[in-house]
Protein backbone atom coordinates (compact mmCIF):
# COMPACT_ATOMS: atom_id res chain seq x y z
CA MET A 1 -21.84 -2.70 7.20
CA HIS A 2 -21.49 -1.89 3.48
CA GLN A 3 -25.15 -2.85 2.65
CA SER A 4 -26.40 -0.03 4.80
CA GLN A 5 -24.03 2.76 3.64
CA HIS A 6 -26.70 4.32 1.36
CA LEU A 7 -28.54 5.49 4.56
CA TRP A 8 -25.73 7.48 5.86
CA PRO A 9 -25.03 11.06 5.10
CA SER A 10 -22.64 11.39 2.07
CA VAL A 11 -20.07 13.13 4.13
CA LEU A 12 -19.85 10.38 6.62
CA VAL A 13 -19.57 7.67 3.76
CA PHE A 14 -16.68 9.66 2.53
CA ILE A 15 -14.98 9.76 5.93
CA ILE A 16 -15.50 6.08 6.47
CA SER A 17 -14.09 5.21 2.88
CA ALA A 18 -11.16 7.41 3.50
CA ALA A 19 -10.44 5.77 6.85
CA TRP A 20 -10.43 2.34 5.13
CA GLN A 21 -7.64 3.62 2.60
CA VAL A 22 -5.60 4.96 5.38
CA VAL A 23 -5.44 1.56 7.15
CA GLY A 24 -4.91 -0.23 3.75
CA GLY A 25 -8.40 -1.70 4.21
CA ASP A 26 -10.33 -3.34 1.39
CA ALA A 27 -14.08 -2.56 0.93
CA ALA A 28 -14.51 -6.26 0.25
CA ALA A 29 -12.58 -7.41 3.31
CA ALA A 30 -15.58 -9.44 4.57
CA GLU A 31 -15.16 -11.62 1.41
CA LYS A 32 -11.51 -12.34 2.10
CA PRO A 33 -10.39 -15.68 3.64
CA ASN A 34 -9.10 -15.97 7.09
CA VAL A 35 -5.49 -17.20 7.46
CA LEU A 36 -4.34 -19.63 10.18
CA LEU A 37 -0.60 -20.15 9.96
CA ILE A 38 0.63 -23.03 11.98
CA LEU A 39 4.51 -23.20 12.63
CA VAL A 40 6.10 -26.15 14.41
CA ASP A 41 9.66 -26.21 15.51
CA ASP A 42 12.04 -28.84 14.50
CA LEU A 43 9.36 -30.91 12.90
CA LYS A 44 10.61 -33.08 9.97
CA PRO A 45 8.24 -35.07 7.72
CA ALA A 46 8.09 -37.87 10.49
CA LEU A 47 4.29 -37.88 10.15
CA GLY A 48 1.84 -40.60 9.28
CA CYS A 49 0.52 -38.49 6.35
CA TYR A 50 4.17 -38.66 4.90
CA GLY A 51 4.31 -42.28 5.19
CA ASP A 52 6.07 -42.64 8.52
CA SER A 53 4.51 -45.70 10.01
CA HIS A 54 6.09 -45.02 13.47
CA ALA A 55 4.43 -41.61 13.89
CA VAL A 56 1.31 -41.15 15.97
CA THR A 57 0.06 -38.02 14.33
CA PRO A 58 -3.65 -38.50 13.68
CA ASN A 59 -4.65 -34.79 13.76
CA ILE A 60 -2.01 -33.60 11.16
CA ASP A 61 -2.88 -36.61 9.07
CA GLN A 62 -6.42 -35.46 9.07
CA LEU A 63 -5.49 -31.93 8.25
CA ALA A 64 -3.54 -33.25 5.20
CA ALA A 65 -6.53 -35.21 4.15
CA ARG A 66 -8.34 -31.70 3.85
CA GLY A 67 -5.89 -30.31 1.40
CA MET A 68 -2.56 -30.55 -0.24
CA ARG A 69 0.63 -32.18 0.90
CA PHE A 70 3.93 -31.01 -0.51
CA ASP A 71 6.47 -33.93 -0.67
CA LEU A 72 9.46 -32.08 -1.60
CA ALA A 73 9.28 -28.89 0.53
CA TYR A 74 12.52 -27.39 1.92
CA CYS A 75 13.49 -24.70 4.36
CA ASN A 76 15.87 -21.98 3.13
CA GLN A 77 18.25 -22.30 6.07
CA ALA A 78 18.13 -25.03 8.72
CA VAL A 79 18.25 -23.04 11.97
CA CYS A 80 15.26 -21.49 13.68
CA ALA A 81 15.71 -17.69 13.47
CA PRO A 82 16.87 -17.45 9.89
CA SER A 83 14.22 -19.87 8.62
CA ARG A 84 11.43 -17.92 10.27
CA PHE A 85 12.94 -14.69 8.82
CA THR A 86 12.66 -16.45 5.25
CA LEU A 87 9.11 -17.33 5.84
CA MET A 88 8.09 -13.89 7.25
CA LEU A 89 10.07 -11.82 4.58
CA GLY A 90 9.75 -14.02 1.52
CA ALA A 91 13.58 -13.69 1.21
CA HIS A 92 16.54 -15.93 1.39
CA SER A 93 19.01 -15.35 4.14
CA THR A 94 21.65 -14.83 1.33
CA SER A 95 19.47 -11.91 0.24
CA THR A 96 19.17 -10.28 3.59
CA GLY A 97 22.30 -11.25 5.50
CA LEU A 98 20.15 -12.71 8.41
CA TYR A 99 21.96 -15.74 9.00
CA GLY A 100 22.28 -16.06 12.78
CA LEU A 101 20.08 -16.91 15.89
CA GLY A 102 20.92 -13.52 17.32
CA ASN A 103 20.23 -11.40 14.32
CA ARG A 104 17.54 -8.79 14.77
CA LEU A 105 15.40 -8.05 11.97
CA ARG A 106 14.91 -4.27 12.38
CA GLU A 107 18.56 -3.65 12.75
CA ALA A 108 19.28 -5.21 9.51
CA LEU A 109 15.98 -4.24 7.60
CA PRO A 110 14.27 -1.48 9.49
CA ASP A 111 11.64 -0.90 6.76
CA ALA A 112 10.97 -4.56 5.93
CA VAL A 113 7.32 -5.34 5.49
CA THR A 114 6.65 -8.95 6.89
CA LEU A 115 3.92 -11.25 5.77
CA PRO A 116 1.50 -10.41 8.63
CA GLN A 117 2.32 -6.62 8.17
CA TYR A 118 1.36 -6.95 4.46
CA PHE A 119 -1.92 -8.54 5.43
CA ALA A 120 -2.66 -6.04 8.00
CA ARG A 121 -2.04 -3.22 5.30
CA HIS A 122 -5.11 -4.96 3.32
CA GLY A 123 -7.60 -4.99 6.09
CA TYR A 124 -6.69 -8.05 8.11
CA HIS A 125 -6.45 -8.25 12.00
CA THR A 126 -3.08 -9.98 12.75
CA GLN A 127 -1.77 -11.66 15.90
CA SER A 128 0.70 -14.25 17.07
CA LEU A 129 0.97 -16.89 19.80
CA GLY A 130 3.75 -19.18 20.88
CA LYS A 131 7.06 -19.52 18.78
CA VAL A 132 6.57 -17.45 15.65
CA PHE A 133 9.73 -15.36 15.33
CA HIS A 134 12.63 -16.71 17.19
CA ILE A 135 13.15 -15.17 20.75
CA GLY A 136 16.49 -16.01 22.34
CA HIS A 137 20.11 -15.98 21.80
CA GLY A 138 19.93 -12.22 21.96
CA ASN A 139 17.07 -12.08 19.39
CA ILE A 140 13.82 -10.34 20.45
CA GLY A 141 11.49 -11.36 17.80
CA ASP A 142 9.69 -8.71 15.77
CA PRO A 143 6.81 -7.04 17.82
CA PRO A 144 5.99 -4.59 14.90
CA SER A 145 4.87 -7.57 12.74
CA PHE A 146 1.51 -7.92 14.65
CA MET A 147 -1.30 -5.89 15.71
CA GLU A 148 -1.63 -7.35 19.25
CA PRO A 149 1.09 -8.06 21.80
CA HIS A 150 2.61 -11.34 21.17
CA PHE A 151 1.35 -14.24 23.37
CA HIS A 152 4.85 -15.53 24.48
CA GLU A 153 5.44 -18.91 25.74
CA LYS A 154 8.45 -21.01 26.68
CA VAL A 155 10.43 -23.08 24.34
CA ILE A 156 12.65 -24.77 26.99
CA GLU A 157 10.51 -25.97 29.85
CA TYR A 158 10.96 -28.56 32.59
CA LEU A 159 8.43 -29.74 35.22
CA LEU A 160 10.60 -32.30 37.22
CA PRO A 161 13.36 -30.76 39.61
CA GLU A 162 15.79 -33.35 38.63
CA SER A 163 15.74 -32.22 35.09
CA THR A 164 17.47 -28.96 36.17
CA GLU A 165 19.53 -30.06 39.14
CA GLY A 166 16.79 -28.79 41.51
CA GLY A 167 15.57 -25.82 39.68
CA MET A 168 18.75 -24.17 38.42
CA LEU A 169 18.85 -22.13 35.34
CA THR A 170 20.16 -24.25 32.54
CA ARG A 171 22.12 -23.40 29.50
CA GLU A 172 19.19 -23.75 26.87
CA GLU A 173 16.78 -21.97 29.23
CA ALA A 174 19.30 -19.18 29.46
CA PHE A 175 19.72 -19.04 25.75
CA PHE A 176 15.88 -18.93 24.98
CA SER A 177 15.21 -16.19 27.69
CA ASN A 178 18.21 -14.03 26.82
CA GLN A 179 19.66 -14.44 30.33
CA GLN A 180 23.33 -14.73 31.24
CA LEU A 181 24.36 -15.09 27.65
CA ASP A 182 27.96 -14.15 28.51
CA ARG A 183 28.40 -17.27 30.79
CA ILE A 184 26.40 -20.10 29.13
CA GLY A 185 29.33 -22.56 29.32
CA SER A 186 29.27 -22.15 33.28
CA LEU A 187 25.47 -23.02 33.61
CA PRO A 188 24.30 -26.68 34.24
CA ARG A 189 22.89 -28.75 31.43
CA GLY A 190 19.25 -29.69 31.51
CA ALA A 191 17.85 -33.01 30.77
CA ALA A 192 17.39 -34.00 27.12
CA PHE A 193 13.91 -35.47 27.98
CA GLU A 194 11.27 -35.91 30.73
CA ALA A 195 7.85 -37.58 30.75
CA PRO A 196 5.76 -36.59 33.79
CA ASP A 197 2.23 -37.78 34.21
CA VAL A 198 0.64 -34.36 33.63
CA ASP A 199 -2.26 -32.60 31.64
CA ASP A 200 -1.25 -31.09 28.09
CA GLU A 201 -1.56 -27.50 29.46
CA ALA A 202 1.20 -28.16 32.02
CA TYR A 203 3.55 -27.44 29.13
CA ALA A 204 3.63 -24.44 26.79
CA ASP A 205 2.28 -26.00 23.65
CA GLY A 206 -0.86 -26.89 25.62
CA ARG A 207 -1.43 -23.45 26.79
CA VAL A 208 -0.70 -21.98 23.33
CA ALA A 209 -3.39 -24.25 21.82
CA ALA A 210 -5.94 -23.33 24.47
CA GLU A 211 -5.18 -19.52 24.06
CA THR A 212 -5.44 -20.01 20.15
CA ALA A 213 -8.86 -21.60 20.57
CA ARG A 214 -9.87 -18.55 22.60
CA ARG A 215 -8.45 -16.01 20.10
CA LEU A 216 -10.31 -17.86 17.28
CA GLU A 217 -13.58 -17.24 19.08
CA LEU A 218 -12.77 -13.62 19.36
CA ALA A 219 -11.64 -13.48 15.87
CA LYS A 220 -15.08 -14.82 14.72
CA GLN A 221 -16.86 -12.19 16.82
CA ARG A 222 -14.78 -9.43 15.36
CA ARG A 223 -15.51 -10.68 11.81
CA GLU A 224 -19.25 -10.87 12.48
CA ARG A 225 -19.26 -7.47 14.00
CA ASP A 226 -17.21 -5.42 11.40
CA GLY A 227 -16.19 -7.98 8.59
CA THR A 228 -12.50 -8.01 9.37
CA PRO A 229 -10.69 -11.15 8.34
CA PHE A 230 -7.90 -12.62 10.70
CA PHE A 231 -4.35 -13.64 10.21
CA ILE A 232 -3.39 -15.69 13.09
CA ALA A 233 0.13 -17.25 13.35
CA VAL A 234 0.56 -19.87 16.04
CA GLY A 235 3.85 -21.56 16.78
CA PHE A 236 4.44 -24.81 18.74
CA ALA A 237 7.80 -25.54 20.45
CA ARG A 238 7.88 -29.32 20.37
CA PRO A 239 9.46 -31.42 19.00
CA HIS A 240 12.42 -29.10 19.59
CA LEU A 241 14.69 -30.26 22.41
CA PRO A 242 14.29 -30.95 25.33
CA PHE A 243 11.98 -33.78 24.49
CA CYS A 244 9.52 -32.95 27.38
CA ALA A 245 6.06 -34.36 26.87
CA PRO A 246 3.22 -35.82 29.03
CA LYS A 247 3.76 -39.46 29.83
CA LYS A 248 0.87 -40.66 27.82
CA TYR A 249 2.44 -39.51 24.67
CA TRP A 250 5.59 -41.49 25.39
CA ASP A 251 3.47 -44.49 26.36
CA ALA A 252 1.62 -44.45 22.92
CA ILE A 253 4.89 -45.37 21.13
CA ASP A 254 6.80 -48.45 21.69
CA PRO A 255 10.55 -47.42 21.65
CA HIS A 256 11.64 -50.85 20.43
CA ASP A 257 9.53 -50.36 17.11
CA LEU A 258 11.53 -47.29 16.36
CA PRO A 259 14.35 -47.65 13.83
CA LEU A 260 18.04 -46.68 14.85
CA PRO A 261 20.23 -44.96 12.49
CA ASP A 262 21.65 -47.48 10.07
CA TYR A 263 24.62 -45.27 8.89
CA GLU A 264 26.49 -42.94 11.20
CA GLU A 265 29.47 -42.01 9.18
CA LEU A 266 29.68 -38.76 7.27
CA PRO A 267 29.39 -38.94 3.63
CA VAL A 268 32.50 -40.53 1.79
CA GLY A 269 34.45 -37.72 0.04
CA ALA A 270 32.54 -34.94 1.55
CA PRO A 271 34.46 -31.65 2.41
CA ALA A 272 35.40 -31.25 6.06
CA VAL A 273 33.26 -27.99 6.43
CA ALA A 274 30.11 -30.02 5.58
CA GLY A 275 30.11 -32.29 8.42
CA LYS A 276 28.81 -32.03 12.06
CA ARG A 277 29.54 -33.59 15.37
CA GLY A 278 28.10 -32.54 18.74
CA GLY A 279 26.60 -29.11 18.60
CA GLU A 280 23.17 -28.18 20.22
CA ILE A 281 22.42 -31.60 21.60
CA THR A 282 25.51 -31.63 23.81
CA ASN A 283 23.87 -28.88 25.89
CA TYR A 284 21.56 -31.69 27.35
CA LYS A 285 22.41 -34.44 29.73
CA PRO A 286 23.02 -37.35 29.63
CA VAL A 287 24.47 -36.74 26.05
CA PRO A 288 28.20 -36.76 26.41
CA GLU A 289 29.19 -33.13 26.58
CA HIS A 290 32.05 -33.49 23.99
CA ALA A 291 30.17 -36.02 21.73
CA GLY A 292 31.46 -37.31 18.59
CA VAL A 293 29.10 -39.94 17.28
CA ILE A 294 26.81 -40.99 20.30
CA GLN A 295 27.70 -44.63 20.98
CA ASP A 296 25.28 -45.51 23.67
CA GLU A 297 22.40 -47.52 21.88
CA ALA A 298 19.93 -47.03 24.87
CA LEU A 299 20.46 -43.22 24.69
CA LYS A 300 20.00 -43.20 20.99
CA ARG A 301 16.76 -44.95 21.29
CA LYS A 302 15.47 -42.61 24.14
CA LEU A 303 16.31 -39.57 22.11
CA ILE A 304 14.40 -40.91 19.00
CA HIS A 305 11.48 -42.06 21.32
CA GLY A 306 11.53 -38.55 22.78
CA TYR A 307 11.30 -37.01 19.33
CA TYR A 308 8.37 -39.08 18.37
CA ALA A 309 6.55 -38.57 21.62
CA SER A 310 7.14 -34.82 21.21
CA ALA A 311 5.75 -34.78 17.71
CA SER A 312 2.79 -36.81 18.99
CA TYR A 313 2.17 -34.14 21.73
CA VAL A 314 2.25 -31.24 19.36
CA ASP A 315 -0.01 -33.29 17.04
CA ALA A 316 -2.62 -33.39 19.79
CA GLN A 317 -2.41 -29.63 20.29
CA ILE A 318 -2.87 -28.87 16.59
CA GLY A 319 -5.91 -31.07 16.58
CA LYS A 320 -7.28 -28.79 19.31
CA VAL A 321 -6.80 -25.74 17.35
CA ILE A 322 -8.44 -27.26 14.23
CA ALA A 323 -11.32 -28.59 16.37
CA ALA A 324 -11.91 -25.04 17.52
CA LEU A 325 -11.87 -23.88 13.95
CA ASP A 326 -14.54 -26.48 13.09
CA ARG A 327 -16.61 -25.83 16.21
CA LEU A 328 -16.81 -22.13 15.41
CA GLN A 329 -17.77 -22.94 11.73
CA LEU A 330 -14.69 -21.12 10.44
CA ALA A 331 -13.01 -23.86 8.39
CA ASP A 332 -14.90 -23.16 5.02
CA GLU A 333 -13.59 -19.55 5.12
CA THR A 334 -10.07 -20.07 6.52
CA ILE A 335 -6.75 -20.90 4.60
CA VAL A 336 -4.78 -23.25 6.80
CA ILE A 337 -1.00 -23.81 6.41
CA LEU A 338 1.23 -26.05 8.38
CA TRP A 339 4.91 -25.52 8.02
CA GLY A 340 7.99 -26.96 9.75
CA ASP A 341 10.76 -24.49 10.30
CA HIS A 342 13.41 -27.06 9.28
CA GLY A 343 14.09 -30.75 9.39
CA PHE A 344 15.97 -32.90 12.28
CA HIS A 345 18.74 -35.39 12.14
CA LEU A 346 18.07 -38.35 14.38
CA GLY A 347 21.53 -40.00 14.29
CA ASP A 348 21.81 -40.36 10.54
CA LEU A 349 25.32 -39.69 9.30
CA GLY A 350 26.15 -39.55 13.03
CA ILE A 351 24.36 -36.21 13.21
CA TRP A 352 21.75 -34.91 15.75
CA THR A 353 19.45 -31.93 15.49
CA LYS A 354 20.00 -29.49 12.40
CA HIS A 355 22.54 -26.99 11.24
CA THR A 356 23.55 -28.82 8.01
CA ASN A 357 22.86 -28.60 4.36
CA TYR A 358 21.86 -32.45 4.16
CA GLU A 359 18.38 -33.81 3.35
CA GLN A 360 17.11 -34.58 6.98
CA ALA A 361 17.97 -31.05 8.12
CA ASN A 362 16.35 -29.22 5.31
CA ARG A 363 13.26 -31.21 4.07
CA ILE A 364 10.10 -29.99 5.85
CA PRO A 365 6.40 -30.82 6.10
CA LEU A 366 4.27 -28.25 4.16
CA LEU A 367 0.44 -28.65 4.05
CA PHE A 368 -2.00 -26.19 2.42
CA VAL A 369 -5.72 -26.31 3.01
CA ALA A 370 -7.39 -23.68 0.87
CA PRO A 371 -11.13 -24.10 0.72
CA GLY A 372 -12.48 -24.19 -2.86
CA ILE A 373 -9.00 -24.53 -4.24
CA THR A 374 -7.13 -27.42 -2.87
CA ALA A 375 -8.52 -30.88 -3.56
CA PRO A 376 -8.80 -33.18 -0.52
CA ALA A 377 -6.04 -35.63 0.06
CA SER A 378 -3.98 -34.21 -2.77
CA ALA A 379 -0.19 -34.32 -2.89
CA THR A 380 2.50 -33.00 -5.25
CA ARG A 381 6.11 -33.41 -6.01
CA GLN A 382 6.70 -29.78 -6.86
CA LEU A 383 9.71 -28.55 -5.20
CA ALA A 384 8.84 -25.80 -2.60
CA GLU A 385 10.56 -23.37 -0.46
CA SER A 386 9.62 -21.35 2.76
CA VAL A 387 9.95 -18.22 0.76
CA ASP A 388 7.10 -19.27 -1.47
CA ILE A 389 4.58 -18.99 1.21
CA PHE A 390 4.38 -15.16 1.24
CA PRO A 391 3.45 -14.66 -2.34
CA THR A 392 1.27 -17.75 -2.42
CA LEU A 393 -0.91 -16.54 0.59
CA CYS A 394 -1.21 -13.08 -1.03
CA GLU A 395 -2.43 -14.59 -4.18
CA LEU A 396 -4.80 -16.95 -2.42
CA ALA A 397 -6.24 -13.91 -0.43
CA ASP A 398 -6.39 -11.89 -3.65
CA LEU A 399 -4.10 -9.17 -2.35
CA PRO A 400 -2.03 -7.12 -4.73
CA PRO A 401 1.34 -8.99 -5.58
CA PRO A 402 3.81 -7.96 -2.91
CA ALA A 403 6.86 -7.51 -5.18
CA PRO A 404 6.34 -3.82 -5.94
CA HIS A 405 5.12 -2.95 -2.49
CA VAL A 406 7.83 -4.26 -0.04
CA PRO A 407 11.30 -2.98 0.29
CA GLN A 408 13.01 -6.28 1.01
CA PRO A 409 14.11 -8.69 -1.73
CA LEU A 410 11.37 -11.14 -2.68
CA ASP A 411 12.67 -14.55 -3.62
CA GLY A 412 9.46 -16.69 -3.44
CA ARG A 413 7.14 -17.86 -6.09
CA SER A 414 3.54 -18.30 -5.81
CA LEU A 415 2.35 -21.99 -5.54
CA LEU A 416 -1.27 -21.20 -6.39
CA PRO A 417 -1.05 -22.94 -9.92
CA VAL A 418 0.11 -26.19 -8.03
CA LEU A 419 -2.57 -25.73 -5.46
CA ARG A 420 -5.07 -26.03 -8.27
CA ASP A 421 -3.31 -28.56 -10.15
CA PRO A 422 -0.73 -30.99 -8.30
CA SER A 423 0.99 -31.62 -11.57
CA ALA A 424 1.63 -27.87 -12.56
CA ARG A 425 5.22 -26.67 -12.02
CA VAL A 426 6.45 -23.22 -11.07
CA ARG A 427 10.08 -24.11 -10.28
CA ASP A 428 12.49 -26.93 -11.08
CA HIS A 429 14.65 -26.66 -7.98
CA ALA A 430 14.69 -25.55 -4.33
CA TYR A 431 17.45 -23.26 -2.84
CA HIS A 432 18.91 -23.28 0.56
CA ALA A 433 22.06 -22.24 2.34
CA TYR A 434 24.06 -22.80 5.51
CA PRO A 435 26.74 -20.60 6.87
CA LYS A 436 29.89 -21.90 8.59
CA ARG A 437 33.49 -20.94 8.04
CA LYS A 438 32.51 -21.18 4.31
CA LEU A 439 29.07 -20.49 2.99
CA GLY A 440 27.32 -23.52 1.54
CA ARG A 441 24.61 -22.76 -0.95
CA ALA A 442 22.61 -25.60 -2.27
CA ILE A 443 20.39 -26.53 -5.18
CA ARG A 444 17.94 -29.41 -4.66
CA THR A 445 16.35 -30.77 -7.65
CA GLU A 446 13.93 -33.84 -7.65
CA ARG A 447 16.83 -35.99 -8.11
CA TYR A 448 20.01 -34.23 -6.93
CA ARG A 449 21.44 -31.91 -4.40
CA LEU A 450 24.46 -29.82 -5.14
CA VAL A 451 26.18 -27.90 -2.37
CA GLU A 452 28.81 -25.29 -3.22
CA TRP A 453 31.05 -24.33 -0.29
CA THR A 454 32.65 -20.96 -0.91
CA PRO A 455 35.04 -18.95 1.27
CA TRP A 456 33.30 -15.79 2.70
CA ASN A 457 36.16 -13.96 1.04
CA PRO A 458 35.99 -15.27 -2.54
CA SER A 459 39.77 -14.65 -3.02
CA ALA A 460 40.49 -17.12 -0.29
CA GLY A 461 40.20 -20.33 -2.40
CA ALA A 462 38.15 -22.24 -4.88
CA PRO A 463 34.69 -23.60 -4.01
CA GLU A 464 34.29 -27.12 -2.66
CA TYR A 465 31.39 -29.36 -4.03
CA GLU A 466 29.03 -32.03 -2.73
CA LEU A 467 26.64 -33.84 -5.13
CA TYR A 468 24.20 -36.41 -4.01
CA ASP A 469 21.83 -38.63 -6.09
CA TYR A 470 18.68 -39.43 -4.24
CA GLU A 471 17.54 -42.01 -6.80
CA LEU A 472 20.69 -44.08 -6.20
CA ASP A 473 21.84 -42.98 -2.65
CA PRO A 474 19.02 -41.50 -0.60
CA GLY A 475 21.18 -41.89 2.57
CA GLU A 476 23.79 -39.49 1.30
CA ARG A 477 26.51 -41.91 1.87
CA ARG A 478 28.87 -40.75 -0.83
CA ASN A 479 29.84 -37.42 -2.40
CA LEU A 480 29.52 -37.90 -6.14
CA ALA A 481 30.85 -34.51 -7.24
CA ALA A 482 34.07 -35.88 -8.73
CA ASP A 483 32.20 -38.67 -10.48
CA HIS A 484 29.53 -36.44 -12.26
CA PRO A 485 31.31 -33.24 -13.33
CA GLN A 486 28.60 -32.43 -15.84
CA VAL A 487 25.81 -32.61 -13.30
CA VAL A 488 27.87 -30.36 -10.97
CA GLN A 489 28.48 -27.99 -13.87
CA ARG A 490 24.70 -27.74 -14.75
CA LEU A 491 23.65 -27.24 -11.17
CA ALA A 492 26.49 -24.73 -10.31
CA GLN A 493 25.24 -22.67 -13.34
CA ILE A 494 21.79 -22.41 -11.60
CA LEU A 495 23.55 -21.30 -8.43
CA ALA A 496 25.55 -18.76 -10.34
CA SER A 497 22.24 -17.13 -11.67
CA TYR A 498 21.43 -16.09 -8.05
CA PRO A 499 22.59 -12.71 -6.77
CA ALA A 500 25.90 -12.63 -4.72
CA PRO A 501 25.13 -13.66 -1.10
CA VAL A 502 25.05 -10.76 1.26
CA PRO A 503 27.96 -11.14 3.73
CA ARG A 504 27.30 -11.89 7.32
CA GLY A 505 26.94 -8.44 9.02
CA GLY A 506 27.05 -6.83 5.69
CA PRO A 507 24.44 -4.42 4.14
CA PRO A 508 21.36 -5.86 2.69
CA ARG A 509 20.76 -5.46 -0.91
CA ARG A 510 17.82 -5.96 -3.29
CA ALA A 511 18.07 -9.35 -4.92
CA ALA A 512 16.27 -9.05 -8.12
CA ARG A 513 16.64 -11.76 -10.69
């Protein structure tokens, strides 16, 4: 288009140029890289590329071989909706007050500019498929974030009638479809797992992968037609519970090879507020509804098998998306990021699912493939946070730094120096938080994690601390805070440098530091 502008009447050139400015377009848009952002629900680094020998994840492993693996990446809050807000806003939940599953972004931050909105301002065509923003628990996602209607699919999905007592609406189906939220406890529980002999597209993730491949074809046509780069966010639901995946993915993993949790007690000396029993997993049968520690070994093995089978199923869907990228010859001009929204406990410390400040709930897989920048099969121990993705992608795409241009707080740091050189460092810790009857804010260094549990009303009592040493105690069996006061003091000083956390339901504030 731009090569032929000298043939147009000058007034028309002026009009076209002005139109680009109105939409925030860039005259060099055709030179900008595309962005494919892959989000995976509840995916911990239980992947072959992270050294898990039990995982059957060849497609994610091959994706890692194309670029850089972050070995110490952390979410900023280990629950779906807030974690996705941190990704899309580049802001901690403690900076926005968006702590809950039911929080609605535009009610709290009506003028926020999300990551895809920022790319749209600079000439990108943006769209989303699958689980991107959290929809459910009263949350409606964020339609303004994308230029096309969201391709919505199910998170909770069953194919076998016996999984739902003959087709009844289950508790988690109601949560995730915003139905009967006032009577969840009276609804039946769905099955924690099923393994029907069906094709991949019988479940939502297979349909999302197929539609993403189709959208990539259309995006290529659009770019060839008018030079517009794409920003596509695609979200997969598995391995989120229930562990529903086609039988072939269960069959590919021998459950007897999978390790059972070797320590099922809460850390010695940890404050009571830090622990967890039951929770989300009790909404699924046959898990005891009022579970403490699950005692049934066969059930534990089945749940762990289900998690690995579900991860293998989603790996295959991601493989189809990457295969479409390759088939369309888009890989050399597309940045690909794979991100897990948080980790997942599989019985360690006696905990299942997420919703804690411990390592298994907060450590995530993070892969960057940036053509011409990331070296193949590279890895780094740079600590990284979800909020870092916003500024990193902006710098990779050569967009103006977002800090002066968006109204919400920006807590992330660009990881571009690390993508160029795995030994480079842009931060010496990661930050995350979890809200309970107290707010637990955490600092994770390469060796330690400090968690400071503070009453929401600071006058209600002194903070309680947890300290874990991952060189000496990677399983978090003992709170060492009382044994190492100097380490506690040093890390607590880092926490004190952060802005005061926004209260739940309180007004958002700019968190500049």
